[in-house]
Amino acid sequence: MRLRAAHLLAVLGRQSARYADRLATLLEDPGKDPCLEGTVGDYARWALTRIGDPRALSGLVERLDEPYREHYGRGYCVSDPRLPDVDAVLVPLRAHADVLLPDLREVMRHHAAHNGGHGPLTGAFLKVLKAWGPDALPALPEVVALLDDATGSLSIVEVLAAMGPGAASAEPALRPVGRSTGRGTTGTRRGPPRRWAETVRRHCGSSATRC
């Protein structure tokens, strides 16, 4: 019952603000439903992020990552509570990027070490960093590391572009990516040449002719 109640409060978002103190007492609650994913604490933490309460931030990234450390699949029924997607939680929290980035960077490194550039959360991480724009600049090394993958990704280049001029040091790593076309070794479709060129040009500015 506590799990479903916390889930409902999370869905209600800021309308649940009057219950923030009660939710904060549930952050470490390990209660589970054998038929549902996540703990009472997970849903309480999500609810607090939706309310905008900073008490949700400590341990948030690690808890979001936890379900993906052992397995990739997530099964659920449409009518049942389910944990939110990683990017759905983090994208709106740009104002707290300075607090969340150290943990996010650590999780990204762990994720890349075990999955390369094609893990179950790679796309979610990139969506978050792109949405955070220049505020995500401290994660530049983790983003550039993903360019080392043989297949490359237009979404990675778009993140670098969103980071702005501060990401200019990534230009040497962008050059071979900008020239890439066709399919990578894993069958992942790379960006069409024109789209690659436009994105790289936006990132590199006056240096685009060299990229």
C-alpha atoms as a PDB file:
ATOM      1  CA  MET A   1       0.000   0.000   0.000  1.00  0.00           C
ATOM      2  CA  ARG A   2       2.823   2.444   0.828  1.00  0.00           C
ATOM      3  CA  LEU A   3       4.427   1.784  -2.535  1.00  0.00           C
ATOM      4  CA  ARG A   4       1.246   2.514  -4.464  1.00  0.00           C
ATOM      5  CA  ALA A   5       0.590   5.603  -2.367  1.00  0.00           C
ATOM      6  CA  ALA A   6       4.094   6.959  -3.012  1.00  0.00           C
ATOM      7  CA  HIS A   7       3.660   6.247  -6.722  1.00  0.00           C
ATOM      8  CA  LEU A   8       0.383   8.161  -6.794  1.00  0.00           C
ATOM      9  CA  LEU A   9       1.977  11.149  -5.083  1.00  0.00           C
ATOM     10  CA  ALA A  10       4.785  11.068  -7.643  1.00  0.00           C
ATOM     11  CA  VAL A  11       2.297  11.094 -10.498  1.00  0.00           C
ATOM     12  CA  LEU A  12       0.529  14.084  -8.955  1.00  0.00           C
ATOM     13  CA  GLY A  13       3.775  16.069  -8.919  1.00  0.00           C
ATOM     14  CA  ARG A  14       3.645  19.482  -7.237  1.00  0.00           C
ATOM     15  CA  GLN A  15       0.106  18.854  -6.097  1.00  0.00           C
ATOM     16  CA  SER A  16       1.700  16.502  -3.547  1.00  0.00           C
ATOM     17  CA  ALA A  17       3.867  19.217  -1.992  1.00  0.00           C
ATOM     18  CA  ARG A  18       1.938  19.122   1.288  1.00  0.00           C
ATOM     19  CA  TYR A  19       3.171  15.542   1.770  1.00  0.00           C
ATOM     20  CA  ALA A  20       6.867  16.291   1.152  1.00  0.00           C
ATOM     21  CA  ASP A  21       7.932  15.808   4.770  1.00  0.00           C
ATOM     22  CA  ARG A  22       6.163  12.469   4.958  1.00  0.00           C
ATOM     23  CA  LEU A  23       7.744  11.371   1.690  1.00  0.00           C
ATOM     24  CA  ALA A  24      11.179  12.355   2.979  1.00  0.00           C
ATOM     25  CA  THR A  25      10.773   9.908   5.865  1.00  0.00           C
ATOM     26  CA  LEU A  26      10.252   7.119   3.326  1.00  0.00           C
ATOM     27  CA  LEU A  27      13.406   7.650   1.266  1.00  0.00           C
ATOM     28  CA  GLU A  28      15.171   4.648   2.789  1.00  0.00           C
ATOM     29  CA  ASP A  29      12.043   2.495   3.030  1.00  0.00           C
ATOM     30  CA  PRO A  30      12.941  -0.900   1.453  1.00  0.00           C
ATOM     31  CA  GLY A  31       9.327  -2.040   1.246  1.00  0.00           C
ATOM     32  CA  LYS A  32       8.499  -3.844  -1.987  1.00  0.00           C
ATOM     33  CA  ASP A  33       5.611  -5.486  -3.765  1.00  0.00           C
ATOM     34  CA  PRO A  34       6.627  -8.864  -5.217  1.00  0.00           C
ATOM     35  CA  CYS A  35       4.712  -8.079  -8.397  1.00  0.00           C
ATOM     36  CA  LEU A  36       6.080  -4.562  -8.933  1.00  0.00           C
ATOM     37  CA  GLU A  37       9.476  -3.015  -9.542  1.00  0.00           C
ATOM     38  CA  GLY A  38      11.212  -0.671  -7.155  1.00  0.00           C
ATOM     39  CA  THR A  39      10.873   0.075  -3.466  1.00  0.00           C
ATOM     40  CA  VAL A  40       8.747   2.477  -1.462  1.00  0.00           C
ATOM     41  CA  GLY A  41      11.869   4.629  -1.148  1.00  0.00           C
ATOM     42  CA  ASP A  42      12.318   4.746  -4.915  1.00  0.00           C
ATOM     43  CA  TYR A  43       8.820   6.080  -5.472  1.00  0.00           C
ATOM     44  CA  ALA A  44       9.118   8.510  -2.563  1.00  0.00           C
ATOM     45  CA  ARG A  45      12.336   9.865  -4.074  1.00  0.00           C
ATOM     46  CA  TRP A  46      10.693  10.254  -7.467  1.00  0.00           C
ATOM     47  CA  ALA A  47       7.768  12.062  -5.857  1.00  0.00           C
ATOM     48  CA  LEU A  48      10.126  14.522  -4.181  1.00  0.00           C
ATOM     49  CA  THR A  49      11.889  15.240  -7.481  1.00  0.00           C
ATOM     50  CA  ARG A  50       8.520  15.987  -9.055  1.00  0.00           C
ATOM     51  CA  ILE A  51       7.689  18.307  -6.166  1.00  0.00           C
ATOM     52  CA  GLY A  52      11.090  20.007  -6.518  1.00  0.00           C
ATOM     53  CA  ASP A  53      12.334  19.044  -3.071  1.00  0.00           C
ATOM     54  CA  PRO A  54      16.169  18.858  -2.898  1.00  0.00           C
ATOM     55  CA  ARG A  55      15.996  16.082  -0.307  1.00  0.00           C
ATOM     56  CA  ALA A  56      15.504  13.731  -3.240  1.00  0.00           C
ATOM     57  CA  LEU A  57      18.909  14.451  -4.770  1.00  0.00           C
ATOM     58  CA  SER A  58      21.205  12.450  -2.503  1.00  0.00           C
ATOM     59  CA  GLY A  59      21.580   8.964  -3.973  1.00  0.00           C
ATOM     60  CA  LEU A  60      19.124   9.695  -6.778  1.00  0.00           C
ATOM     61  CA  VAL A  61      21.374   8.775  -9.694  1.00  0.00           C
ATOM     62  CA  GLU A  62      22.538   5.533  -8.103  1.00  0.00           C
ATOM     63  CA  ARG A  63      18.970   4.453  -7.403  1.00  0.00           C
ATOM     64  CA  LEU A  64      17.924   5.200 -10.979  1.00  0.00           C
ATOM     65  CA  ASP A  65      20.842   3.139 -12.254  1.00  0.00           C
ATOM     66  CA  GLU A  66      20.340   0.203  -9.895  1.00  0.00           C
ATOM     67  CA  PRO A  67      17.695  -1.730 -11.900  1.00  0.00           C
ATOM     68  CA  TYR A  68      20.014  -1.826 -14.916  1.00  0.00           C
ATOM     69  CA  ARG A  69      23.133  -3.148 -13.183  1.00  0.00           C
ATOM     70  CA  GLU A  70      21.965  -6.754 -13.126  1.00  0.00           C
ATOM     71  CA  HIS A  71      19.667  -6.977 -16.129  1.00  0.00           C
ATOM     72  CA  TYR A  72      18.315  -4.954 -19.031  1.00  0.00           C
ATOM     73  CA  GLY A  73      14.678  -5.988 -19.212  1.00  0.00           C
ATOM     74  CA  ARG A  74      11.799  -4.263 -17.432  1.00  0.00           C
ATOM     75  CA  GLY A  75       8.443  -5.969 -17.355  1.00  0.00           C
ATOM     76  CA  TYR A  76       5.263  -4.304 -16.141  1.00  0.00           C
ATOM     77  CA  CYS A  77       1.529  -4.010 -16.698  1.00  0.00           C
ATOM     78  CA  VAL A  78       0.216  -0.708 -18.011  1.00  0.00           C
ATOM     79  CA  SER A  79      -2.128  -0.280 -15.059  1.00  0.00           C
ATOM     80  CA  ASP A  80       0.543  -0.985 -12.416  1.00  0.00           C
ATOM     81  CA  PRO A  81       3.039   1.433 -10.851  1.00  0.00           C
ATOM     82  CA  ARG A  82       6.413   1.438 -12.559  1.00  0.00           C
ATOM     83  CA  LEU A  83       9.613   3.332 -12.046  1.00  0.00           C
ATOM     84  CA  PRO A  84      10.146   6.290 -14.391  1.00  0.00           C
ATOM     85  CA  ASP A  85      12.772   6.322 -17.115  1.00  0.00           C
ATOM     86  CA  VAL A  86      16.106   7.802 -16.085  1.00  0.00           C
ATOM     87  CA  ASP A  87      15.887  10.776 -18.444  1.00  0.00           C
ATOM     88  CA  ALA A  88      12.289  11.522 -17.409  1.00  0.00           C
ATOM     89  CA  VAL A  89      13.529  12.091 -13.858  1.00  0.00           C
ATOM     90  CA  LEU A  90      16.797  13.899 -14.534  1.00  0.00           C
ATOM     91  CA  VAL A  91      16.030  16.191 -17.480  1.00  0.00           C
ATOM     92  CA  PRO A  92      13.837  18.535 -15.388  1.00  0.00           C
ATOM     93  CA  LEU A  93      16.556  18.766 -12.713  1.00  0.00           C
ATOM     94  CA  ARG A  94      18.970  20.950 -14.667  1.00  0.00           C
ATOM     95  CA  ALA A  95      18.994  23.496 -11.840  1.00  0.00           C
ATOM     96  CA  HIS A  96      20.643  20.822  -9.689  1.00  0.00           C
ATOM     97  CA  ALA A  97      23.165  19.672 -12.304  1.00  0.00           C
ATOM     98  CA  ASP A  98      26.118  20.676 -10.128  1.00  0.00           C
ATOM     99  CA  VAL A  99      24.904  18.351  -7.376  1.00  0.00           C
ATOM    100  CA  LEU A 100      23.929  15.453  -9.640  1.00  0.00           C
ATOM    101  CA  LEU A 101      26.802  15.459 -12.130  1.00  0.00           C
ATOM    102  CA  PRO A 102      29.470  13.821  -9.947  1.00  0.00           C
ATOM    103  CA  ASP A 103      27.256  10.774  -9.407  1.00  0.00           C
ATOM    104  CA  LEU A 104      26.025  10.800 -12.997  1.00  0.00           C
ATOM    105  CA  ARG A 105      29.584  10.858 -14.323  1.00  0.00           C
ATOM    106  CA  GLU A 106      30.547   7.946 -12.089  1.00  0.00           C
ATOM    107  CA  VAL A 107      27.543   5.928 -13.236  1.00  0.00           C
ATOM    108  CA  MET A 108      28.320   6.747 -16.878  1.00  0.00           C
ATOM    109  CA  ARG A 109      31.873   5.466 -16.472  1.00  0.00           C
ATOM    110  CA  HIS A 110      30.681   2.260 -14.832  1.00  0.00           C
ATOM    111  CA  HIS A 111      28.021   1.800 -17.498  1.00  0.00           C
ATOM    112  CA  ALA A 112      30.483   2.359 -20.353  1.00  0.00           C
ATOM    113  CA  ALA A 113      33.045  -0.007 -18.809  1.00  0.00           C
ATOM    114  CA  HIS A 114      30.496  -2.820 -18.789  1.00  0.00           C
ATOM    115  CA  ASN A 115      28.494  -2.010 -21.923  1.00  0.00           C
ATOM    116  CA  GLY A 116      30.620   0.161 -24.194  1.00  0.00           C
ATOM    117  CA  GLY A 117      28.646   2.855 -26.011  1.00  0.00           C
ATOM    118  CA  HIS A 118      25.531   0.745 -26.442  1.00  0.00           C
ATOM    119  CA  GLY A 119      24.278  -0.006 -22.952  1.00  0.00           C
ATOM    120  CA  PRO A 120      20.640   0.204 -21.911  1.00  0.00           C
ATOM    121  CA  LEU A 121      21.099   3.674 -20.417  1.00  0.00           C
ATOM    122  CA  THR A 122      23.443   5.300 -22.932  1.00  0.00           C
ATOM    123  CA  GLY A 123      20.617   7.014 -24.788  1.00  0.00           C
ATOM    124  CA  ALA A 124      19.033   8.226 -21.553  1.00  0.00           C
ATOM    125  CA  PHE A 125      22.303   9.699 -20.296  1.00  0.00           C
ATOM    126  CA  LEU A 126      22.805  11.559 -23.561  1.00  0.00           C
ATOM    127  CA  LYS A 127      19.271  12.968 -23.481  1.00  0.00           C
ATOM    128  CA  VAL A 128      19.905  14.295 -19.988  1.00  0.00           C
ATOM    129  CA  LEU A 129      23.233  15.906 -20.850  1.00  0.00           C
ATOM    130  CA  LYS A 130      21.859  17.456 -24.029  1.00  0.00           C
ATOM    131  CA  ALA A 131      18.935  18.942 -22.082  1.00  0.00           C
ATOM    132  CA  TRP A 132      21.304  20.339 -19.454  1.00  0.00           C
ATOM    133  CA  GLY A 133      23.383  22.040 -22.141  1.00  0.00           C
ATOM    134  CA  PRO A 134      26.394  24.024 -20.876  1.00  0.00           C
ATOM    135  CA  ASP A 135      25.583  22.988 -17.308  1.00  0.00           C
ATOM    136  CA  ALA A 136      26.596  19.444 -18.304  1.00  0.00           C
ATOM    137  CA  LEU A 137      30.090  20.504 -19.401  1.00  0.00           C
ATOM    138  CA  PRO A 138      31.879  18.714 -16.509  1.00  0.00           C
ATOM    139  CA  ALA A 139      30.734  15.440 -18.126  1.00  0.00           C
ATOM    140  CA  LEU A 140      32.640  16.220 -21.327  1.00  0.00           C
ATOM    141  CA  PRO A 141      35.270  13.481 -20.735  1.00  0.00           C
ATOM    142  CA  GLU A 142      32.567  10.817 -20.340  1.00  0.00           C
ATOM    143  CA  VAL A 143      30.816  11.956 -23.515  1.00  0.00           C
ATOM    144  CA  VAL A 144      34.020  12.087 -25.566  1.00  0.00           C
ATOM    145  CA  ALA A 145      34.886   8.584 -24.348  1.00  0.00           C
ATOM    146  CA  LEU A 146      31.749   7.312 -26.074  1.00  0.00           C
ATOM    147  CA  LEU A 147      33.146   8.532 -29.395  1.00  0.00           C
ATOM    148  CA  ASP A 148      35.824   5.868 -29.104  1.00  0.00           C
ATOM    149  CA  ASP A 149      33.188   3.273 -29.929  1.00  0.00           C
ATOM    150  CA  ALA A 150      33.524   1.952 -33.470  1.00  0.00           C
ATOM    151  CA  THR A 151      29.996   2.931 -34.501  1.00  0.00           C
ATOM    152  CA  GLY A 152      29.847   6.544 -33.374  1.00  0.00           C
ATOM    153  CA  SER A 153      26.578   8.366 -32.794  1.00  0.00           C
ATOM    154  CA  LEU A 154      24.993  11.565 -34.005  1.00  0.00           C
ATOM    155  CA  SER A 155      23.355  11.962 -30.599  1.00  0.00           C
ATOM    156  CA  ILE A 156      26.805  12.190 -28.982  1.00  0.00           C
ATOM    157  CA  VAL A 157      27.782  14.983 -31.361  1.00  0.00           C
ATOM    158  CA  GLU A 158      24.526  16.768 -30.566  1.00  0.00           C
ATOM    159  CA  VAL A 159      25.328  16.626 -26.856  1.00  0.00           C
ATOM    160  CA  LEU A 160      28.705  18.218 -27.500  1.00  0.00           C
ATOM    161  CA  ALA A 161      27.029  20.921 -29.565  1.00  0.00           C
ATOM    162  CA  ALA A 162      24.538  21.582 -26.755  1.00  0.00           C
ATOM    163  CA  MET A 163      27.400  21.995 -24.292  1.00  0.00           C
ATOM    164  CA  GLY A 164      28.525  24.998 -26.304  1.00  0.00           C
ATOM    165  CA  PRO A 165      31.962  26.595 -26.797  1.00  0.00           C
ATOM    166  CA  GLY A 166      33.278  25.034 -23.607  1.00  0.00           C
ATOM    167  CA  ALA A 167      33.306  21.680 -25.397  1.00  0.00           C
ATOM    168  CA  ALA A 168      35.696  22.918 -28.089  1.00  0.00           C
ATOM    169  CA  SER A 169      38.461  20.660 -26.760  1.00  0.00           C
ATOM    170  CA  ALA A 170      36.478  17.704 -28.146  1.00  0.00           C
ATOM    171  CA  GLU A 171      37.010  18.880 -31.720  1.00  0.00           C
ATOM    172  CA  PRO A 172      39.846  16.420 -32.533  1.00  0.00           C
ATOM    173  CA  ALA A 173      37.634  13.520 -31.494  1.00  0.00           C
ATOM    174  CA  LEU A 174      34.789  14.847 -33.665  1.00  0.00           C
ATOM    175  CA  ARG A 175      36.707  14.852 -36.940  1.00  0.00           C
ATOM    176  CA  PRO A 176      36.627  11.107 -37.691  1.00  0.00           C
ATOM    177  CA  VAL A 177      33.032  10.941 -36.475  1.00  0.00           C
ATOM    178  CA  GLY A 178      31.979  13.737 -38.789  1.00  0.00           C
ATOM    179  CA  ARG A 179      33.441  11.852 -41.758  1.00  0.00           C
ATOM    180  CA  SER A 180      31.706   8.585 -40.849  1.00  0.00           C
ATOM    181  CA  THR A 181      28.826   7.261 -42.925  1.00  0.00           C
ATOM    182  CA  GLY A 182      27.072   3.952 -43.484  1.00  0.00           C
ATOM    183  CA  ARG A 183      26.604   1.370 -40.745  1.00  0.00           C
ATOM    184  CA  GLY A 184      28.854   0.580 -37.839  1.00  0.00           C
ATOM    185  CA  THR A 185      30.134  -2.828 -36.886  1.00  0.00           C
ATOM    186  CA  THR A 186      27.109  -3.487 -34.685  1.00  0.00           C
ATOM    187  CA  GLY A 187      24.597  -2.445 -37.327  1.00  0.00           C
ATOM    188  CA  THR A 188      23.787   0.886 -35.676  1.00  0.00           C
ATOM    189  CA  ARG A 189      22.866   3.474 -38.259  1.00  0.00           C
ATOM    190  CA  ARG A 190      25.107   6.501 -38.272  1.00  0.00           C
ATOM    191  CA  GLY A 191      23.847   9.948 -39.131  1.00  0.00           C
ATOM    192  CA  PRO A 192      23.446  10.844 -42.814  1.00  0.00           C
ATOM    193  CA  PRO A 193      26.511  12.726 -44.102  1.00  0.00           C
ATOM    194  CA  ARG A 194      24.649  16.036 -44.457  1.00  0.00           C
ATOM    195  CA  ARG A 195      23.248  15.867 -40.943  1.00  0.00           C
ATOM    196  CA  TRP A 196      26.656  14.956 -39.528  1.00  0.00           C
ATOM    197  CA  ALA A 197      28.174  17.933 -41.316  1.00  0.00           C
ATOM    198  CA  GLU A 198      25.554  20.368 -40.044  1.00  0.00           C
ATOM    199  CA  THR A 199      25.915  19.202 -36.458  1.00  0.00           C
ATOM    200  CA  VAL A 200      29.709  19.202 -36.519  1.00  0.00           C
ATOM    201  CA  ARG A 201      29.705  22.645 -38.141  1.00  0.00           C
ATOM    202  CA  ARG A 202      27.477  23.982 -35.382  1.00  0.00           C
ATOM    203  CA  HIS A 203      29.852  22.592 -32.778  1.00  0.00           C
ATOM    204  CA  CYS A 204      33.164  23.475 -34.388  1.00  0.00           C
ATOM    205  CA  GLY A 205      32.221  26.934 -35.624  1.00  0.00           C
ATOM    206  CA  SER A 206      34.982  28.427 -37.741  1.00  0.00           C
ATOM    207  CA  SER A 207      36.923  25.182 -37.585  1.00  0.00           C
ATOM    208  CA  ALA A 208      34.187  23.215 -39.386  1.00  0.00           C
ATOM    209  CA  THR A 209      36.157  22.925 -42.592  1.00  0.00           C
ATOM    210  CA  ARG A 210      38.786  20.938 -40.746  1.00  0.00           C
ATOM    211  CA  CYS A 211      36.320  18.624 -38.946  1.00  0.00           C
END
